[in-house]
């Protein structure tokens, strides 16, 4: 993650814009599958905004594996 020059205003604007054109429908949270879908949509919105505005990188593949000490 590169936080040297984050653009928090852009981050906020991107999230607000995405949610204004495609709002989360919280009235239909009547089962776990729908809740999971809404949460996933919100997380993806945040990650995309972060990627564009603060340079968030996905480091899952670069994480070092823990070794087991015997």
N, C-alpha and C. Protein backbone atom coordinates (compact mmCIF):
# COMPACT_ATOMS: atom_id res chain seq x y z
N UNK A 1 0.84 -1.16 0.00
CA UNK A 1 0.00 0.00 0.00
C UNK A 1 0.89 1.23 0.00
N UNK A 2 0.56 2.18 -0.82
CA UNK A 2 1.32 3.41 -0.90
C UNK A 2 0.49 4.53 -0.32
N UNK A 3 0.85 4.97 0.88
CA UNK A 3 0.11 6.05 1.54
C UNK A 3 0.87 7.36 1.52
N UNK A 4 1.86 7.49 0.65
CA UNK A 4 2.63 8.72 0.58
C UNK A 4 1.79 9.90 0.10
N UNK A 5 0.95 9.67 -0.86
CA UNK A 5 0.12 10.75 -1.42
C UNK A 5 -1.33 10.30 -1.59
N UNK A 6 -1.98 9.92 -0.52
CA UNK A 6 -3.38 9.47 -0.67
C UNK A 6 -4.29 10.64 -1.03
N UNK A 7 -5.26 10.36 -1.86
CA UNK A 7 -6.24 11.37 -2.23
C UNK A 7 -7.56 10.96 -1.58
N UNK A 8 -7.72 11.33 -0.32
CA UNK A 8 -8.89 10.90 0.44
C UNK A 8 -10.17 11.52 -0.10
N UNK A 9 -10.07 12.71 -0.66
CA UNK A 9 -11.26 13.34 -1.24
C UNK A 9 -11.76 12.53 -2.43
N UNK A 10 -10.85 12.12 -3.29
CA UNK A 10 -11.23 11.29 -4.43
C UNK A 10 -11.79 9.96 -3.95
N UNK A 11 -11.17 9.36 -2.95
CA UNK A 11 -11.64 8.10 -2.37
C UNK A 11 -13.11 8.23 -1.95
N UNK A 12 -13.41 9.27 -1.21
CA UNK A 12 -14.78 9.50 -0.75
C UNK A 12 -15.74 9.75 -1.91
N UNK A 13 -15.29 10.55 -2.87
CA UNK A 13 -16.13 10.86 -4.04
C UNK A 13 -16.44 9.60 -4.85
N UNK A 14 -15.44 8.74 -5.03
CA UNK A 14 -15.65 7.51 -5.80
C UNK A 14 -16.67 6.60 -5.13
N UNK A 15 -16.56 6.46 -3.82
CA UNK A 15 -17.51 5.62 -3.09
C UNK A 15 -18.90 6.22 -3.15
N UNK A 16 -19.01 7.52 -2.89
CA UNK A 16 -20.32 8.17 -2.94
C UNK A 16 -20.95 8.07 -4.32
N UNK A 17 -20.14 8.26 -5.36
CA UNK A 17 -20.67 8.17 -6.73
C UNK A 17 -21.17 6.76 -7.04
N UNK A 18 -20.35 5.77 -6.72
CA UNK A 18 -20.74 4.38 -7.00
C UNK A 18 -22.02 4.00 -6.26
N UNK A 19 -22.11 4.39 -5.00
CA UNK A 19 -23.29 4.04 -4.22
C UNK A 19 -24.52 4.87 -4.61
N UNK A 20 -24.30 6.05 -5.19
CA UNK A 20 -25.45 6.85 -5.62
C UNK A 20 -26.05 6.30 -6.92
N UNK A 21 -25.20 5.76 -7.79
CA UNK A 21 -25.73 5.20 -9.05
C UNK A 21 -26.18 3.74 -8.89
N UNK A 22 -25.66 3.09 -7.88
CA UNK A 22 -26.00 1.68 -7.65
C UNK A 22 -26.08 1.44 -6.14
N UNK A 23 -27.13 1.95 -5.49
CA UNK A 23 -27.21 1.87 -4.03
C UNK A 23 -27.38 0.44 -3.52
N UNK A 24 -26.95 0.25 -2.29
CA UNK A 24 -27.13 -1.04 -1.63
C UNK A 24 -28.56 -1.13 -1.14
N UNK A 25 -29.23 -2.22 -1.44
CA UNK A 25 -30.61 -2.40 -1.02
C UNK A 25 -30.62 -3.16 0.30
N UNK A 26 -30.63 -2.43 1.39
CA UNK A 26 -30.58 -3.04 2.71
C UNK A 26 -31.94 -3.53 3.19
N UNK A 27 -32.99 -3.22 2.47
CA UNK A 27 -34.33 -3.65 2.86
C UNK A 27 -34.59 -5.12 2.56
N UNK A 28 -33.72 -5.72 1.78
CA UNK A 28 -33.94 -7.10 1.36
C UNK A 28 -32.97 -8.06 2.04
N UNK A 29 -32.55 -7.75 3.24
CA UNK A 29 -31.59 -8.58 3.97
C UNK A 29 -32.33 -9.63 4.78
N UNK A 30 -32.99 -10.55 4.10
CA UNK A 30 -33.78 -11.54 4.83
C UNK A 30 -33.14 -12.93 4.89
N UNK A 31 -31.95 -13.07 4.29
CA UNK A 31 -31.22 -14.33 4.44
C UNK A 31 -29.73 -14.09 4.30
N UNK A 32 -28.94 -15.04 4.72
CA UNK A 32 -27.49 -14.87 4.75
C UNK A 32 -26.90 -14.66 3.37
N UNK A 33 -27.44 -15.31 2.36
CA UNK A 33 -26.92 -15.16 1.00
C UNK A 33 -27.05 -13.72 0.51
N UNK A 34 -28.18 -13.08 0.78
CA UNK A 34 -28.38 -11.69 0.38
C UNK A 34 -27.47 -10.76 1.16
N UNK A 35 -27.31 -11.03 2.44
CA UNK A 35 -26.42 -10.23 3.27
C UNK A 35 -24.99 -10.34 2.75
N UNK A 36 -24.55 -11.55 2.46
CA UNK A 36 -23.20 -11.77 1.93
C UNK A 36 -23.00 -11.02 0.62
N UNK A 37 -24.01 -11.03 -0.23
CA UNK A 37 -23.92 -10.35 -1.51
C UNK A 37 -23.78 -8.83 -1.33
N UNK A 38 -24.53 -8.27 -0.41
CA UNK A 38 -24.45 -6.83 -0.14
C UNK A 38 -23.08 -6.47 0.44
N UNK A 39 -22.60 -7.28 1.37
CA UNK A 39 -21.29 -7.03 1.98
C UNK A 39 -20.20 -7.11 0.91
N UNK A 40 -20.25 -8.11 0.05
CA UNK A 40 -19.26 -8.26 -1.01
C UNK A 40 -19.28 -7.06 -1.95
N UNK A 41 -20.45 -6.60 -2.31
CA UNK A 41 -20.59 -5.44 -3.18
C UNK A 41 -19.97 -4.20 -2.53
N UNK A 42 -20.23 -4.00 -1.25
CA UNK A 42 -19.68 -2.85 -0.54
C UNK A 42 -18.16 -2.94 -0.43
N UNK A 43 -17.64 -4.10 -0.10
CA UNK A 43 -16.18 -4.29 -0.01
C UNK A 43 -15.52 -4.02 -1.35
N UNK A 44 -16.10 -4.53 -2.44
CA UNK A 44 -15.54 -4.29 -3.77
C UNK A 44 -15.54 -2.81 -4.12
N UNK A 45 -16.58 -2.10 -3.72
CA UNK A 45 -16.65 -0.65 -3.96
C UNK A 45 -15.52 0.05 -3.23
N UNK A 46 -15.28 -0.32 -1.99
CA UNK A 46 -14.21 0.29 -1.20
C UNK A 46 -12.84 -0.02 -1.79
N UNK A 47 -12.62 -1.27 -2.16
CA UNK A 47 -11.32 -1.66 -2.72
C UNK A 47 -11.04 -0.95 -4.03
N UNK A 48 -12.04 -0.85 -4.90
CA UNK A 48 -11.83 -0.16 -6.18
C UNK A 48 -11.53 1.31 -5.97
N UNK A 49 -12.23 1.94 -5.04
CA UNK A 49 -11.97 3.36 -4.74
C UNK A 49 -10.58 3.53 -4.15
N UNK A 50 -10.17 2.63 -3.28
CA UNK A 50 -8.84 2.71 -2.68
C UNK A 50 -7.75 2.52 -3.73
N UNK A 51 -7.96 1.59 -4.64
CA UNK A 51 -6.99 1.32 -5.69
C UNK A 51 -6.77 2.57 -6.55
N UNK A 52 -7.85 3.26 -6.86
CA UNK A 52 -7.75 4.45 -7.72
C UNK A 52 -7.23 5.67 -6.98
N UNK A 53 -7.52 5.79 -5.70
CA UNK A 53 -7.22 7.04 -5.00
C UNK A 53 -6.01 7.00 -4.08
N UNK A 54 -5.68 5.84 -3.52
CA UNK A 54 -4.53 5.78 -2.61
C UNK A 54 -3.53 4.71 -3.00
N UNK A 55 -3.74 4.09 -4.13
CA UNK A 55 -2.76 3.13 -4.63
C UNK A 55 -2.74 1.83 -3.87
N UNK A 56 -3.86 1.41 -3.35
CA UNK A 56 -3.92 0.15 -2.62
C UNK A 56 -3.59 -0.99 -3.57
N UNK A 57 -2.71 -1.86 -3.12
CA UNK A 57 -2.31 -3.01 -3.94
C UNK A 57 -2.70 -4.28 -3.21
N UNK A 58 -3.02 -5.29 -3.97
CA UNK A 58 -3.36 -6.58 -3.41
C UNK A 58 -2.07 -7.35 -3.18
N UNK A 59 -1.71 -7.54 -1.92
CA UNK A 59 -0.46 -8.21 -1.59
C UNK A 59 -0.66 -9.65 -1.13
N UNK A 60 -1.80 -10.24 -1.40
CA UNK A 60 -2.06 -11.59 -0.94
C UNK A 60 -1.07 -12.57 -1.50
N UNK A 61 -0.67 -12.41 -2.74
CA UNK A 61 0.26 -13.34 -3.36
C UNK A 61 1.70 -13.12 -2.89
N UNK A 62 1.98 -11.94 -2.35
CA UNK A 62 3.35 -11.66 -1.95
C UNK A 62 3.58 -11.87 -0.46
N UNK A 63 2.57 -12.29 0.27
CA UNK A 63 2.75 -12.55 1.70
C UNK A 63 3.69 -13.73 1.88
N UNK A 64 4.58 -13.58 2.84
CA UNK A 64 5.51 -14.67 3.11
C UNK A 64 4.79 -15.78 3.85
N UNK A 65 5.12 -17.00 3.49
CA UNK A 65 4.52 -18.16 4.16
C UNK A 65 5.19 -18.34 5.50
N UNK A 66 4.40 -18.66 6.49
CA UNK A 66 4.94 -18.92 7.82
C UNK A 66 5.53 -20.32 7.85
N UNK A 67 6.68 -20.45 8.46
CA UNK A 67 7.27 -21.77 8.59
C UNK A 67 6.98 -22.32 9.97
N UNK A 68 6.81 -23.60 10.03
CA UNK A 68 6.50 -24.27 11.29
C UNK A 68 7.82 -24.57 12.00
N UNK A 69 7.90 -24.12 13.25
CA UNK A 69 9.10 -24.38 14.04
C UNK A 69 8.90 -25.67 14.80
N UNK A 70 9.81 -26.61 14.65
CA UNK A 70 9.70 -27.90 15.33
C UNK A 70 10.52 -27.91 16.57
